[in-house]
């Protein structure tokens, strides 16, 4: 169970950069996205989305896509050796 997150300001800047949204549009998108994810996760698990105790690994995606992928690969490889 892996939870990938990023600081809000990083998410805002990334959305503005990728989609050309205004700051307000990016903030609204994040709010809607977070609400939808939280509702979905709670519906299927009965737990609170983002609650650290329900994940095996948490990754701050602001380290970049490649580094995030490398961390996941290393984690999976380490787990498969057990």
C-alpha atoms as a PDB file:
ATOM      1  CA  UNK A   1       0.000   0.000   0.000  1.00  0.00           C
ATOM      2  CA  UNK A   2       1.690   3.106  -1.320  1.00  0.00           C
ATOM      3  CA  UNK A   3       0.505   6.686  -0.828  1.00  0.00           C
ATOM      4  CA  UNK A   4       1.942   9.316  -3.146  1.00  0.00           C
ATOM      5  CA  UNK A   5       1.429  12.900  -2.040  1.00  0.00           C
ATOM      6  CA  UNK A   6       2.876  16.353  -2.706  1.00  0.00           C
ATOM      7  CA  UNK A   7       2.801  19.696  -0.929  1.00  0.00           C
ATOM      8  CA  UNK A   8      -0.166  21.811  -2.010  1.00  0.00           C
ATOM      9  CA  UNK A   9       1.971  24.573  -3.508  1.00  0.00           C
ATOM     10  CA  UNK A  10       3.858  22.030  -5.623  1.00  0.00           C
ATOM     11  CA  UNK A  11       0.547  20.587  -6.842  1.00  0.00           C
ATOM     12  CA  UNK A  12      -0.795  24.037  -7.697  1.00  0.00           C
ATOM     13  CA  UNK A  13       2.316  24.976  -9.664  1.00  0.00           C
ATOM     14  CA  UNK A  14       2.376  21.636 -11.471  1.00  0.00           C
ATOM     15  CA  UNK A  15      -1.282  21.926 -12.549  1.00  0.00           C
ATOM     16  CA  UNK A  16      -0.740  25.497 -13.730  1.00  0.00           C
ATOM     17  CA  UNK A  17       2.311  24.387 -15.710  1.00  0.00           C
ATOM     18  CA  UNK A  18       0.827  21.248 -17.269  1.00  0.00           C
ATOM     19  CA  UNK A  19      -2.739  22.402 -17.930  1.00  0.00           C
ATOM     20  CA  UNK A  20      -2.307  26.156 -18.182  1.00  0.00           C
ATOM     21  CA  UNK A  21      -4.862  26.680 -15.406  1.00  0.00           C
ATOM     22  CA  UNK A  22      -5.000  29.791 -13.268  1.00  0.00           C
ATOM     23  CA  UNK A  23      -4.052  29.484  -9.617  1.00  0.00           C
ATOM     24  CA  UNK A  24      -7.732  29.544  -8.621  1.00  0.00           C
ATOM     25  CA  UNK A  25      -8.613  26.834 -11.170  1.00  0.00           C
ATOM     26  CA  UNK A  26      -5.737  24.687  -9.928  1.00  0.00           C
ATOM     27  CA  UNK A  27      -6.836  25.080  -6.311  1.00  0.00           C
ATOM     28  CA  UNK A  28     -10.421  24.153  -7.210  1.00  0.00           C
ATOM     29  CA  UNK A  29      -9.208  21.107  -9.147  1.00  0.00           C
ATOM     30  CA  UNK A  30      -7.127  19.955  -6.169  1.00  0.00           C
ATOM     31  CA  UNK A  31     -10.071  20.366  -3.799  1.00  0.00           C
ATOM     32  CA  UNK A  32     -12.416  18.378  -6.057  1.00  0.00           C
ATOM     33  CA  UNK A  33      -9.783  15.728  -6.680  1.00  0.00           C
ATOM     34  CA  UNK A  34      -8.978  15.336  -2.977  1.00  0.00           C
ATOM     35  CA  UNK A  35     -12.666  15.120  -2.071  1.00  0.00           C
ATOM     36  CA  UNK A  36     -13.287  12.465  -4.729  1.00  0.00           C
ATOM     37  CA  UNK A  37     -10.242  10.423  -3.703  1.00  0.00           C
ATOM     38  CA  UNK A  38     -11.163  10.607  -0.031  1.00  0.00           C
ATOM     39  CA  UNK A  39     -14.742   9.508  -0.698  1.00  0.00           C
ATOM     40  CA  UNK A  40     -13.667   6.648  -2.963  1.00  0.00           C
ATOM     41  CA  UNK A  41     -10.993   5.396  -0.567  1.00  0.00           C
ATOM     42  CA  UNK A  42     -13.351   5.557   2.402  1.00  0.00           C
ATOM     43  CA  UNK A  43     -16.060   3.760   0.430  1.00  0.00           C
ATOM     44  CA  UNK A  44     -13.827   0.823  -0.517  1.00  0.00           C
ATOM     45  CA  UNK A  45     -11.751   0.587   2.667  1.00  0.00           C
ATOM     46  CA  UNK A  46     -13.692   2.212   5.483  1.00  0.00           C
ATOM     47  CA  UNK A  47     -10.544   4.177   6.321  1.00  0.00           C
ATOM     48  CA  UNK A  48      -9.522   7.801   6.021  1.00  0.00           C
ATOM     49  CA  UNK A  49      -7.668   8.617   2.800  1.00  0.00           C
ATOM     50  CA  UNK A  50      -4.119   9.759   3.517  1.00  0.00           C
ATOM     51  CA  UNK A  51      -4.007   8.379   7.068  1.00  0.00           C
ATOM     52  CA  UNK A  52      -0.389   7.248   7.326  1.00  0.00           C
ATOM     53  CA  UNK A  53      -1.163   4.191   9.425  1.00  0.00           C
ATOM     54  CA  UNK A  54      -2.949   2.552   6.472  1.00  0.00           C
ATOM     55  CA  UNK A  55       0.036   2.673   4.100  1.00  0.00           C
ATOM     56  CA  UNK A  56       3.330   0.811   3.935  1.00  0.00           C
ATOM     57  CA  UNK A  57       5.164   3.526   2.024  1.00  0.00           C
ATOM     58  CA  UNK A  58       4.569   7.269   1.647  1.00  0.00           C
ATOM     59  CA  UNK A  59       6.317   9.213  -1.101  1.00  0.00           C
ATOM     60  CA  UNK A  60       6.518  12.973  -1.586  1.00  0.00           C
ATOM     61  CA  UNK A  61       6.087  13.329  -5.358  1.00  0.00           C
ATOM     62  CA  UNK A  62       7.744  16.736  -5.355  1.00  0.00           C
ATOM     63  CA  UNK A  63      11.014  14.788  -5.627  1.00  0.00           C
ATOM     64  CA  UNK A  64      10.070  14.260  -9.297  1.00  0.00           C
ATOM     65  CA  UNK A  65       8.501  11.565 -11.424  1.00  0.00           C
ATOM     66  CA  UNK A  66      11.699   9.596 -12.033  1.00  0.00           C
ATOM     67  CA  UNK A  67      12.722   9.590  -8.371  1.00  0.00           C
ATOM     68  CA  UNK A  68       9.196   8.625  -7.295  1.00  0.00           C
ATOM     69  CA  UNK A  69       9.283   5.697  -9.732  1.00  0.00           C
ATOM     70  CA  UNK A  70      12.737   4.664  -8.507  1.00  0.00           C
ATOM     71  CA  UNK A  71      11.576   4.672  -4.891  1.00  0.00           C
ATOM     72  CA  UNK A  72       8.618   2.446  -5.785  1.00  0.00           C
ATOM     73  CA  UNK A  73      10.830   0.060  -7.767  1.00  0.00           C
ATOM     74  CA  UNK A  74      13.311  -0.203  -4.893  1.00  0.00           C
ATOM     75  CA  UNK A  75      10.487  -0.828  -2.439  1.00  0.00           C
ATOM     76  CA  UNK A  76       8.905  -3.551  -4.582  1.00  0.00           C
ATOM     77  CA  UNK A  77      12.280  -5.204  -5.148  1.00  0.00           C
ATOM     78  CA  UNK A  78      13.033  -5.152  -1.417  1.00  0.00           C
ATOM     79  CA  UNK A  79       9.610  -6.615  -0.570  1.00  0.00           C
ATOM     80  CA  UNK A  80       9.957  -9.376  -3.167  1.00  0.00           C
ATOM     81  CA  UNK A  81      13.208 -10.535  -1.572  1.00  0.00           C
ATOM     82  CA  UNK A  82      11.411 -11.514   1.634  1.00  0.00           C
END
